[in-house]
Structures are given as structure tokens and as C-alpha cells.
């Protein structure tokens, strides 16, 4: 088993993504509202000179300091890894572009719960 993690900045794609996952028999995702570090710092009272990288990323935020992300967690089987990566890229778009998101997969030593036998 593996843990697929997606930090989705393009939250308008969430519904399409969940429907596509379900069609591929990838179920049981947990969705958490989240905020990235850069957005949090941009909206804070810290001065730019205190955080040197803030000035360079401010132009990418385009006044969207309050924009939230969605963090999606789902336990997948080994054979589902390529599928979930492929369909996530198809639905969400090019992850090399700014403000799209980040995805990664972690090995699980242990997982227990209803639905893990999918």
C-alpha cells in the first residue's frame, strides 16, 4: 500500500478530479483545506527584509494571499500509482507550472481501516 498526497492549488478542478478517481476505482480520499507557507507569510505582519524569498514570490501570488489549497490524502495499492499520477495530471494540468500543486507518493508500512481492501 502507498499514500498518495496531492496539494491542489487549482481547487476548481477538485470535483472533476474526484469523479475521475471514482471512475478508476480510486476511492476513500480525505480532503483537507490547507494554505501554503508563501501565502501564509505574504498575509502576515513579517517584513519582506526578514524573509528574503518573500519579495521574489510575491509576484506569483497576485493578491491571492487568502486563497486556500486542498490537500488530498488517499491510500492506494501499488498497481494504482501510475494511474493516479496520470489522471491527476490529465485533470489538473501541468504540475511544472506555478500555482498548480504538488503531488507525491509515500510507502506505507501499515494501514488499517474500512475500505482499504479496495
N, C-alpha and C. Protein backbone atom coordinates (compact mmCIF):
# COMPACT_ATOMS: atom_id res chain seq x y z
N UNK A 1 0.84 -1.18 0.00
CA UNK A 1 0.00 0.00 0.00
C UNK A 1 0.89 1.24 0.00
N UNK A 2 0.32 2.33 -0.53
CA UNK A 2 1.03 3.60 -0.59
C UNK A 2 0.07 4.72 -0.22
N UNK A 3 0.65 5.84 0.20
CA UNK A 3 -0.13 7.03 0.48
C UNK A 3 0.12 8.03 -0.62
N UNK A 4 -0.93 8.37 -1.35
CA UNK A 4 -0.86 9.41 -2.39
C UNK A 4 -1.28 10.72 -1.75
N UNK A 5 -0.44 11.74 -1.91
CA UNK A 5 -0.71 13.06 -1.35
C UNK A 5 -0.71 14.07 -2.49
N UNK A 6 -1.75 14.87 -2.52
CA UNK A 6 -1.86 15.93 -3.53
C UNK A 6 -2.21 17.23 -2.83
N UNK A 7 -1.35 18.23 -2.99
CA UNK A 7 -1.69 19.58 -2.55
C UNK A 7 -2.16 20.29 -3.80
N UNK A 8 -3.45 20.53 -3.86
CA UNK A 8 -4.09 21.04 -5.07
C UNK A 8 -4.34 22.54 -4.94
N UNK A 9 -3.62 23.33 -5.72
CA UNK A 9 -3.85 24.77 -5.73
C UNK A 9 -4.99 25.14 -6.67
N UNK A 10 -5.17 24.36 -7.72
CA UNK A 10 -6.25 24.63 -8.68
C UNK A 10 -7.53 23.95 -8.17
N UNK A 11 -8.08 24.50 -7.09
CA UNK A 11 -9.20 23.87 -6.40
C UNK A 11 -10.46 23.77 -7.25
N UNK A 12 -10.55 24.54 -8.30
CA UNK A 12 -11.70 24.44 -9.20
C UNK A 12 -11.74 23.09 -9.92
N UNK A 13 -10.63 22.36 -9.89
CA UNK A 13 -10.54 21.04 -10.52
C UNK A 13 -10.92 19.90 -9.58
N UNK A 14 -11.21 20.20 -8.31
CA UNK A 14 -11.42 19.16 -7.31
C UNK A 14 -12.57 18.22 -7.66
N UNK A 15 -13.74 18.74 -8.03
CA UNK A 15 -14.88 17.88 -8.33
C UNK A 15 -14.58 16.94 -9.51
N UNK A 16 -14.02 17.49 -10.59
CA UNK A 16 -13.67 16.66 -11.75
C UNK A 16 -12.66 15.59 -11.36
N UNK A 17 -11.72 15.95 -10.50
CA UNK A 17 -10.70 15.01 -10.07
C UNK A 17 -11.31 13.87 -9.27
N UNK A 18 -12.21 14.18 -8.35
CA UNK A 18 -12.83 13.14 -7.52
C UNK A 18 -13.70 12.20 -8.37
N UNK A 19 -14.40 12.74 -9.34
CA UNK A 19 -15.22 11.92 -10.25
C UNK A 19 -14.31 11.00 -11.06
N UNK A 20 -13.20 11.52 -11.55
CA UNK A 20 -12.27 10.72 -12.34
C UNK A 20 -11.64 9.62 -11.49
N UNK A 21 -11.26 9.96 -10.26
CA UNK A 21 -10.73 8.93 -9.36
C UNK A 21 -11.75 7.82 -9.16
N UNK A 22 -12.99 8.18 -8.90
CA UNK A 22 -14.04 7.19 -8.66
C UNK A 22 -14.23 6.28 -9.87
N UNK A 23 -14.19 6.87 -11.07
CA UNK A 23 -14.32 6.06 -12.29
C UNK A 23 -13.20 5.05 -12.42
N UNK A 24 -12.04 5.37 -11.88
CA UNK A 24 -10.87 4.48 -11.93
C UNK A 24 -10.80 3.59 -10.69
N UNK A 25 -11.86 3.57 -9.89
CA UNK A 25 -11.94 2.74 -8.67
C UNK A 25 -10.90 3.15 -7.62
N UNK A 26 -10.57 4.45 -7.62
CA UNK A 26 -9.71 5.01 -6.58
C UNK A 26 -10.64 5.77 -5.65
N UNK A 27 -10.86 5.22 -4.46
CA UNK A 27 -11.87 5.76 -3.55
C UNK A 27 -11.26 6.00 -2.18
N UNK A 28 -12.04 6.66 -1.34
CA UNK A 28 -11.64 6.84 0.04
C UNK A 28 -10.69 7.99 0.30
N UNK A 29 -10.72 9.02 -0.51
CA UNK A 29 -9.84 10.17 -0.30
C UNK A 29 -10.34 11.03 0.85
N UNK A 30 -9.40 11.59 1.59
CA UNK A 30 -9.69 12.59 2.60
C UNK A 30 -9.21 13.93 2.07
N UNK A 31 -10.06 14.95 2.18
CA UNK A 31 -9.76 16.27 1.63
C UNK A 31 -9.69 17.27 2.79
N UNK A 32 -8.58 17.98 2.87
CA UNK A 32 -8.33 18.93 3.94
C UNK A 32 -8.05 20.30 3.33
N UNK A 33 -8.68 21.34 3.86
CA UNK A 33 -8.36 22.69 3.42
C UNK A 33 -7.00 23.06 3.97
N UNK A 34 -6.16 23.67 3.12
CA UNK A 34 -4.80 24.00 3.53
C UNK A 34 -4.35 25.32 2.92
N UNK A 35 -3.26 25.85 3.46
CA UNK A 35 -2.66 27.08 2.97
C UNK A 35 -1.16 26.87 2.89
N UNK A 36 -0.55 27.31 1.81
CA UNK A 36 0.89 27.17 1.65
C UNK A 36 1.66 28.19 2.47
N UNK A 37 2.90 27.88 2.74
CA UNK A 37 3.76 28.74 3.55
C UNK A 37 3.91 30.14 2.95
N UNK A 38 4.13 30.22 1.64
CA UNK A 38 4.33 31.51 1.00
C UNK A 38 3.08 32.39 1.14
N UNK A 39 1.90 31.81 0.96
CA UNK A 39 0.67 32.58 1.09
C UNK A 39 0.47 33.03 2.54
N UNK A 40 0.79 32.15 3.46
CA UNK A 40 0.64 32.49 4.88
C UNK A 40 1.57 33.63 5.26
N UNK A 41 2.81 33.55 4.83
CA UNK A 41 3.77 34.61 5.15
C UNK A 41 3.43 35.91 4.45
N UNK A 42 2.91 35.83 3.23
CA UNK A 42 2.56 37.04 2.48
C UNK A 42 1.43 37.78 3.18
N UNK A 43 0.58 37.06 3.87
CA UNK A 43 -0.53 37.69 4.57
C UNK A 43 -0.22 38.04 6.01
N UNK A 44 1.01 37.77 6.44
CA UNK A 44 1.37 38.02 7.84
C UNK A 44 1.99 39.41 7.99
N UNK A 45 2.37 39.72 9.21
CA UNK A 45 2.95 41.03 9.51
C UNK A 45 4.46 41.05 9.39
N UNK A 46 5.06 39.98 8.91
CA UNK A 46 6.52 39.94 8.76
C UNK A 46 6.94 40.92 7.66
N UNK A 47 8.07 41.53 7.85
CA UNK A 47 8.60 42.44 6.84
C UNK A 47 9.37 41.64 5.80
N UNK A 48 9.32 42.10 4.56
CA UNK A 48 9.98 41.37 3.48
C UNK A 48 11.46 41.18 3.74
N UNK A 49 12.13 42.17 4.36
CA UNK A 49 13.56 42.03 4.61
C UNK A 49 13.85 40.92 5.63
N UNK A 50 12.86 40.57 6.46
CA UNK A 50 13.04 39.47 7.42
C UNK A 50 13.01 38.12 6.71
N UNK A 51 12.29 38.04 5.62
CA UNK A 51 12.13 36.78 4.88
C UNK A 51 12.52 37.07 3.45
N UNK A 52 13.77 36.80 3.10
CA UNK A 52 14.35 37.24 1.84
C UNK A 52 13.62 36.72 0.60
N UNK A 53 13.08 35.52 0.64
CA UNK A 53 12.45 34.97 -0.55
C UNK A 53 11.05 35.53 -0.79
N UNK A 54 10.45 36.18 0.19
CA UNK A 54 9.07 36.64 0.07
C UNK A 54 8.88 37.63 -1.07
N UNK A 55 9.82 38.55 -1.22
CA UNK A 55 9.71 39.52 -2.30
C UNK A 55 9.71 38.87 -3.67
N UNK A 56 10.51 37.83 -3.83
CA UNK A 56 10.60 37.18 -5.14
C UNK A 56 9.36 36.35 -5.48
N UNK A 57 8.64 35.88 -4.48
CA UNK A 57 7.44 35.08 -4.78
C UNK A 57 6.16 35.90 -4.77
N UNK A 58 6.24 37.11 -4.23
CA UNK A 58 5.04 37.94 -4.13
C UNK A 58 4.35 38.13 -5.49
N UNK A 59 5.15 38.27 -6.56
CA UNK A 59 4.58 38.48 -7.89
C UNK A 59 3.75 37.28 -8.36
N UNK A 60 4.05 36.07 -7.88
CA UNK A 60 3.29 34.89 -8.27
C UNK A 60 1.98 34.77 -7.52
N UNK A 61 1.88 35.45 -6.38
CA UNK A 61 0.67 35.33 -5.56
C UNK A 61 -0.46 36.20 -6.09
N UNK A 62 -0.12 37.28 -6.81
CA UNK A 62 -1.12 38.13 -7.45
C UNK A 62 -2.29 38.49 -6.54
N UNK A 63 -2.00 38.92 -5.33
CA UNK A 63 -3.06 39.34 -4.43
C UNK A 63 -3.94 38.23 -3.92
N UNK A 64 -3.50 36.99 -4.03
CA UNK A 64 -4.34 35.86 -3.63
C UNK A 64 -3.90 35.28 -2.29
N UNK A 65 -3.50 36.18 -1.34
CA UNK A 65 -2.99 35.73 -0.06
C UNK A 65 -3.98 34.83 0.67
N UNK A 66 -5.26 35.03 0.45
CA UNK A 66 -6.27 34.26 1.18
C UNK A 66 -6.70 32.99 0.44
N UNK A 67 -6.12 32.73 -0.70
CA UNK A 67 -6.51 31.55 -1.47
C UNK A 67 -6.11 30.29 -0.72
N UNK A 68 -7.02 29.37 -0.65
CA UNK A 68 -6.78 28.11 0.05
C UNK A 68 -6.47 27.03 -0.97
N UNK A 69 -5.76 26.03 -0.51
CA UNK A 69 -5.49 24.83 -1.29
C UNK A 69 -6.32 23.70 -0.69
N UNK A 70 -6.33 22.59 -1.37
CA UNK A 70 -6.93 21.37 -0.85
C UNK A 70 -5.83 20.32 -0.81
N UNK A 71 -5.70 19.67 0.32
CA UNK A 71 -4.76 18.56 0.45
C UNK A 71 -5.57 17.28 0.42
N UNK A 72 -5.27 16.42 -0.55
CA UNK A 72 -5.99 15.16 -0.74
C UNK A 72 -5.06 14.02 -0.33
N UNK A 73 -5.55 13.18 0.55
CA UNK A 73 -4.82 12.01 1.01
C UNK A 73 -5.63 10.77 0.65
N UNK A 74 -4.99 9.80 0.02
CA UNK A 74 -5.67 8.55 -0.25
C UNK A 74 -4.69 7.39 -0.25
N UNK A 75 -5.11 6.31 0.35
CA UNK A 75 -4.31 5.09 0.36
C UNK A 75 -4.60 4.34 -0.93
N UNK A 76 -3.55 3.98 -1.63
CA UNK A 76 -3.70 3.29 -2.91
C UNK A 76 -2.89 1.99 -2.89
N UNK A 77 -3.27 1.10 -3.79
CA UNK A 77 -2.47 -0.11 -4.00
C UNK A 77 -1.27 0.25 -4.88
N UNK A 78 -0.26 -0.57 -4.83
CA UNK A 78 0.95 -0.36 -5.65
C UNK A 78 0.59 -0.20 -7.13
N UNK A 79 -0.34 -1.04 -7.61
CA UNK A 79 -0.69 -1.03 -9.03
C UNK A 79 -1.53 0.18 -9.43
N UNK A 80 -1.96 1.01 -8.49
CA UNK A 80 -2.74 2.20 -8.81
C UNK A 80 -1.87 3.46 -8.93
N UNK A 81 -0.61 3.37 -8.58
CA UNK A 81 0.24 4.56 -8.55
C UNK A 81 0.34 5.25 -9.91
N UNK A 82 0.69 4.53 -10.95
CA UNK A 82 0.81 5.14 -12.28
C UNK A 82 -0.50 5.74 -12.73
N UNK A 83 -1.60 5.06 -12.45
CA UNK A 83 -2.92 5.54 -12.87
C UNK A 83 -3.27 6.84 -12.17
N UNK A 84 -3.09 6.92 -10.86
CA UNK A 84 -3.49 8.13 -10.14
C UNK A 84 -2.62 9.33 -10.54
N UNK A 85 -1.35 9.09 -10.80
CA UNK A 85 -0.48 10.18 -11.26
C UNK A 85 -0.92 10.65 -12.64
N UNK A 86 -1.17 9.71 -13.55
CA UNK A 86 -1.57 10.06 -14.92
C UNK A 86 -2.88 10.85 -14.93
N UNK A 87 -3.89 10.34 -14.24
CA UNK A 87 -5.19 11.02 -14.32
C UNK A 87 -5.17 12.35 -13.56
N UNK A 88 -4.35 12.46 -12.53
CA UNK A 88 -4.23 13.74 -11.84
C UNK A 88 -3.64 14.78 -12.77
N UNK A 89 -2.61 14.42 -13.51
CA UNK A 89 -2.01 15.34 -14.49
C UNK A 89 -3.00 15.69 -15.60
N UNK A 90 -3.77 14.70 -16.06
CA UNK A 90 -4.75 14.95 -17.12
C UNK A 90 -5.82 15.94 -16.67
N UNK A 91 -6.32 15.81 -15.45
CA UNK A 91 -7.40 16.66 -14.98
C UNK A 91 -6.89 18.02 -14.52
N UNK A 92 -5.80 18.04 -13.76
CA UNK A 92 -5.32 19.28 -13.15
C UNK A 92 -4.47 20.10 -14.10
N UNK A 93 -3.64 19.43 -14.89
CA UNK A 93 -2.77 20.15 -15.81
C UNK A 93 -1.31 19.95 -15.46
N UNK A 94 -0.48 20.80 -16.02
CA UNK A 94 0.97 20.70 -15.95
C UNK A 94 1.48 21.13 -14.57
N UNK A 95 2.01 20.20 -13.81
CA UNK A 95 2.50 20.49 -12.46
C UNK A 95 3.80 21.28 -12.46
N UNK A 96 4.43 21.46 -13.61
CA UNK A 96 5.63 22.28 -13.66
C UNK A 96 5.29 23.77 -13.71
N UNK A 97 4.02 24.10 -13.91
CA UNK A 97 3.58 25.50 -13.94
C UNK A 97 3.27 25.96 -12.52
N UNK A 98 3.54 27.25 -12.24
CA UNK A 98 3.28 27.76 -10.90
C UNK A 98 1.80 27.68 -10.52
N UNK A 99 1.56 27.56 -9.24
CA UNK A 99 0.22 27.59 -8.66
C UNK A 99 -0.69 26.47 -9.16
N UNK A 100 -0.11 25.32 -9.49
CA UNK A 100 -0.89 24.15 -9.88
C UNK A 100 -1.04 23.21 -8.70
N UNK A 101 0.07 22.81 -8.11
CA UNK A 101 0.03 21.92 -6.97
C UNK A 101 1.29 21.08 -6.88
N UNK A 102 1.28 20.18 -5.91
CA UNK A 102 2.38 19.26 -5.68
C UNK A 102 1.76 17.90 -5.38
N UNK A 103 2.35 16.85 -5.94
CA UNK A 103 1.88 15.51 -5.60
C UNK A 103 3.08 14.62 -5.34
N UNK A 104 2.86 13.65 -4.43
CA UNK A 104 3.91 12.68 -4.13
C UNK A 104 3.28 11.43 -3.55
N UNK A 105 4.06 10.36 -3.55
CA UNK A 105 3.61 9.06 -3.05
C UNK A 105 4.62 8.58 -2.00
N UNK A 106 4.08 8.08 -0.88
CA UNK A 106 4.91 7.55 0.20
C UNK A 106 4.57 6.08 0.43
N UNK A 107 5.57 5.28 0.75
CA UNK A 107 5.28 3.88 1.10
C UNK A 107 4.61 3.82 2.47
N UNK A 108 3.71 2.87 2.65
CA UNK A 108 3.05 2.67 3.94
C UNK A 108 3.49 1.34 4.52
N UNK A 109 3.96 1.38 5.73
CA UNK A 109 4.31 0.15 6.44
C UNK A 109 3.09 -0.50 7.04
N UNK A 110 2.08 0.30 7.33
CA UNK A 110 0.88 -0.22 7.97
C UNK A 110 -0.30 0.67 7.62
N UNK A 111 -1.44 0.06 7.34
CA UNK A 111 -2.69 0.78 7.12
C UNK A 111 -3.82 -0.15 7.53
N UNK A 112 -4.78 0.40 8.26
CA UNK A 112 -5.92 -0.39 8.71
C UNK A 112 -7.15 0.48 8.67
N UNK A 113 -8.24 -0.06 8.20
CA UNK A 113 -9.48 0.69 8.18
C UNK A 113 -10.41 0.20 7.09
N UNK A 114 -11.67 0.55 7.24
CA UNK A 114 -12.69 0.18 6.27
C UNK A 114 -12.35 0.75 4.90
N UNK A 115 -12.46 -0.05 3.89
CA UNK A 115 -12.23 0.41 2.52
C UNK A 115 -10.83 0.20 2.01
N UNK A 116 -9.92 -0.24 2.87
CA UNK A 116 -8.54 -0.45 2.41
C UNK A 116 -8.36 -1.72 1.61
N UNK A 117 -9.40 -2.52 1.55
CA UNK A 117 -9.32 -3.75 0.77
C UNK A 117 -9.80 -3.55 -0.66
N UNK A 118 -9.85 -2.31 -1.10
CA UNK A 118 -10.36 -1.96 -2.43
C UNK A 118 -9.54 -2.50 -3.56
